[in-house]
C-alpha atoms as a PDB file:
ATOM      1  CA  MET A   1    -113.233  76.862   6.543  1.00  0.00           C
ATOM      2  CA  GLY A   2    -114.396  75.771   9.447  1.00  0.00           C
ATOM      3  CA  PHE A   3    -117.474  74.978  10.929  1.00  0.00           C
ATOM      4  CA  TRP A   4    -117.660  78.572  12.247  1.00  0.00           C
ATOM      5  CA  GLU A   5    -116.872  80.523   9.425  1.00  0.00           C
ATOM      6  CA  LEU A   6    -119.251  77.719   7.095  1.00  0.00           C
ATOM      7  CA  VAL A   7    -122.188  78.782   9.784  1.00  0.00           C
ATOM      8  CA  VAL A   8    -121.815  82.408   9.805  1.00  0.00           C
ATOM      9  CA  VAL A   9    -121.500  82.576   5.658  1.00  0.00           C
ATOM     10  CA  PHE A  10    -124.623  80.758   6.252  1.00  0.00           C
ATOM     11  CA  VAL A  11    -126.775  83.082   8.398  1.00  0.00           C
ATOM     12  CA  VAL A  12    -125.587  86.333   6.082  1.00  0.00           C
ATOM     13  CA  GLY A  13    -126.548  84.361   2.794  1.00  0.00           C
ATOM     14  CA  LEU A  14    -129.839  83.611   4.842  1.00  0.00           C
ATOM     15  CA  VAL A  15    -130.220  87.198   5.787  1.00  0.00           C
ATOM     16  CA  VAL A  16    -129.322  88.797   2.774  1.00  0.00           C
ATOM     17  CA  LEU A  17    -130.805  86.068   0.132  1.00  0.00           C
ATOM     18  CA  GLY A  18    -134.010  84.927   1.655  1.00  0.00           C
ATOM     19  CA  PRO A  19    -134.999  81.273   2.508  1.00  0.00           C
ATOM     20  CA  GLU A  20    -136.649  81.318  -1.326  1.00  0.00           C
ATOM     21  CA  ARG A  21    -133.039  81.979  -2.728  1.00  0.00           C
ATOM     22  CA  LEU A  22    -130.885  80.522  -0.301  1.00  0.00           C
ATOM     23  CA  PRO A  23    -130.968  77.373  -1.746  1.00  0.00           C
ATOM     24  CA  VAL A  24    -130.595  78.215  -5.420  1.00  0.00           C
ATOM     25  CA  ALA A  25    -127.654  80.081  -4.596  1.00  0.00           C
ATOM     26  CA  ILE A  26    -126.064  77.155  -2.959  1.00  0.00           C
ATOM     27  CA  ARG A  27    -126.514  75.153  -5.527  1.00  0.00           C
ATOM     28  CA  THR A  28    -125.275  77.710  -8.174  1.00  0.00           C
ATOM     29  CA  VAL A  29    -122.447  78.057  -6.246  1.00  0.00           C
ATOM     30  CA  MET A  30    -121.519  74.538  -5.925  1.00  0.00           C
ATOM     31  CA  LYS A  31    -122.034  74.136  -9.505  1.00  0.00           C
ATOM     32  CA  TRP A  32    -119.352  77.033 -10.327  1.00  0.00           C
ATOM     33  CA  VAL A  33    -117.051  75.003  -7.594  1.00  0.00           C
ATOM     34  CA  ARG A  34    -117.166  71.927  -9.493  1.00  0.00           C
ATOM     35  CA  THR A  35    -117.069  73.276 -12.750  1.00  0.00           C
ATOM     36  CA  VAL A  36    -113.791  74.851 -11.174  1.00  0.00           C
ATOM     37  CA  LYS A  37    -112.323  71.703  -9.894  1.00  0.00           C
ATOM     38  CA  THR A  38    -112.947  70.114 -13.089  1.00  0.00           C
ATOM     39  CA  TYR A  39    -110.710  72.467 -15.214  1.00  0.00           C
ATOM     40  CA  ALA A  40    -108.270  72.673 -12.560  1.00  0.00           C
ATOM     41  CA  ASN A  41    -108.087  68.585 -12.538  1.00  0.00           C
ATOM     42  CA  ALA A  42    -107.314  68.532 -16.651  1.00  0.00           C
ATOM     43  CA  VAL A  43    -104.527  71.240 -16.432  1.00  0.00           C
ATOM     44  CA  THR A  44    -102.897  69.910 -13.641  1.00  0.00           C
ATOM     45  CA  ALA A  45    -102.895  66.585 -15.794  1.00  0.00           C
ATOM     46  CA  GLU A  46    -101.846  68.505 -18.644  1.00  0.00           C
ATOM     47  CA  VAL A  47     -98.852  70.009 -17.274  1.00  0.00           C
ATOM     48  CA  ASN A  48     -98.099  66.552 -15.653  1.00  0.00           C
ATOM     49  CA  GLU A  49     -98.040  64.843 -19.236  1.00  0.00           C
ATOM     50  CA  GLU A  50     -95.655  67.729 -20.148  1.00  0.00           C
ATOM     51  CA  LEU A  51     -93.313  67.153 -17.171  1.00  0.00           C
ATOM     52  CA  ARG A  52     -93.488  63.781 -18.404  1.00  0.00           C
ATOM     53  CA  ILE A  53     -92.761  64.022 -21.764  1.00  0.00           C
ATOM     54  CA  HIS A  54     -90.093  66.554 -21.276  1.00  0.00           C
ATOM     55  CA  GLU A  55     -88.332  64.264 -18.791  1.00  0.00           C
ATOM     56  CA  LEU A  56     -88.339  61.494 -21.624  1.00  0.00           C
ATOM     57  CA  HIS A  57     -87.168  63.160 -23.954  1.00  0.00           C
ATOM     58  CA  SER A  58     -84.014  64.837 -21.939  1.00  0.00           C
ATOM     59  CA  ASN A  59     -83.699  61.304 -21.416  1.00  0.00           C
ATOM     60  CA  LEU A  60     -83.427  59.977 -24.841  1.00  0.00           C
ATOM     61  CA  LYS A  61     -80.604  62.969 -25.408  1.00  0.00           C
ATOM     62  CA  LYS A  62     -78.812  61.669 -22.908  1.00  0.00           C
ATOM     63  CA  ALA A  63     -78.885  58.490 -24.757  1.00  0.00           C
ATOM     64  CA  GLU A  64     -78.009  59.689 -27.545  1.00  0.00           C
ATOM     65  CA  GLN A  65     -75.396  61.572 -26.337  1.00  0.00           C
ATOM     66  CA  GLN A  66     -73.549  58.429 -24.541  1.00  0.00           C
ATOM     67  CA  GLY A  67     -74.259  56.330 -27.746  1.00  0.00           C
ATOM     68  CA  MET A  68     -76.692  54.252 -25.936  1.00  0.00           C
ATOM     69  CA  GLU A  69     -74.516  52.678 -24.197  1.00  0.00           C
ATOM     70  CA  ASN A  70     -74.043  52.074 -20.334  1.00  0.00           C
ATOM     71  CA  LEU A  71     -77.267  54.140 -19.599  1.00  0.00           C
ATOM     72  CA  ALA A  72     -78.285  54.817 -16.165  1.00  0.00           C
ATOM     73  CA  PRO A  73     -81.704  52.604 -14.902  1.00  0.00           C
ATOM     74  CA  GLU A  74     -84.078  55.837 -15.403  1.00  0.00           C
ATOM     75  CA  ILE A  75     -82.686  56.541 -18.586  1.00  0.00           C
ATOM     76  CA  GLN A  76     -82.949  53.124 -19.933  1.00  0.00           C
ATOM     77  CA  GLN A  77     -86.524  53.079 -18.666  1.00  0.00           C
ATOM     78  CA  SER A  78     -87.344  55.938 -20.129  1.00  0.00           C
ATOM     79  CA  VAL A  79     -85.976  54.781 -23.851  1.00  0.00           C
ATOM     80  CA  ALA A  80     -87.457  50.659 -23.488  1.00  0.00           C
ATOM     81  CA  GLU A  81     -91.116  53.517 -23.207  1.00  0.00           C
ATOM     82  CA  LEU A  82     -90.338  55.743 -26.193  1.00  0.00           C
ATOM     83  CA  GLN A  83     -89.515  52.746 -28.184  1.00  0.00           C
ATOM     84  CA  LYS A  84     -92.558  50.583 -27.146  1.00  0.00           C
ATOM     85  CA  ALA A  85     -94.923  54.130 -27.865  1.00  0.00           C
ATOM     86  CA  ALA A  86     -92.812  53.736 -31.018  1.00  0.00           C
ATOM     87  CA  GLU A  87     -93.751  50.141 -32.166  1.00  0.00           C
ATOM     88  CA  SER A  88     -97.401  50.930 -30.787  1.00  0.00           C
ATOM     89  CA  VAL A  89     -97.747  53.965 -33.423  1.00  0.00           C
ATOM     90  CA  ARG A  90     -96.033  52.140 -36.062  1.00  0.00           C
ATOM     91  CA  HIS A  91     -98.343  48.849 -35.599  1.00  0.00           C
ATOM     92  CA  SER A  92    -101.295  51.321 -35.805  1.00  0.00           C
ATOM     93  CA  TYR A  93    -100.116  52.325 -39.640  1.00  0.00           C
ATOM     94  CA  GLN A  94     -99.342  49.086 -40.935  1.00  0.00           C
ATOM     95  CA  LYS A  95    -101.837  47.270 -42.733  1.00  0.00           C
ATOM     96  CA  SER A  96    -103.617  44.104 -41.466  1.00  0.00           C
ATOM     97  CA  PRO A  97    -103.226  41.042 -43.946  1.00  0.00           C
ATOM     98  CA  ASP A  98    -107.052  40.681 -44.105  1.00  0.00           C
ATOM     99  CA  ALA A  99    -107.880  43.873 -44.564  1.00  0.00           C
ATOM    100  CA  PRO A 100    -109.549  44.960 -47.919  1.00  0.00           C
ATOM    101  CA  LYS A 101    -107.576  45.567 -50.749  1.00  0.00           C
ATOM    102  CA  GLU A 102    -108.126  49.616 -52.506  1.00  0.00           C
END
């Protein structure tokens, strides 16, 4: 929206709502806009993460089909990232030596 469109919307809002209720209406609309933006950003982040996981999965399939040899650099990077994630999960489930025994 351009400047003049905002001026027209403001003037119409001022005429329809009056000067007492217009600030409250503006705050309410801004709150809705912020909420919608927050949800849109969350959905975008989730979709991007799902696409990344799908790409890692397809790269792993390609690597398995090639027998983990002579892999393209992006496939090697995906495999390394998956191995690193697997190691971090494995370490979180292992008991530390100084943990109390049950």
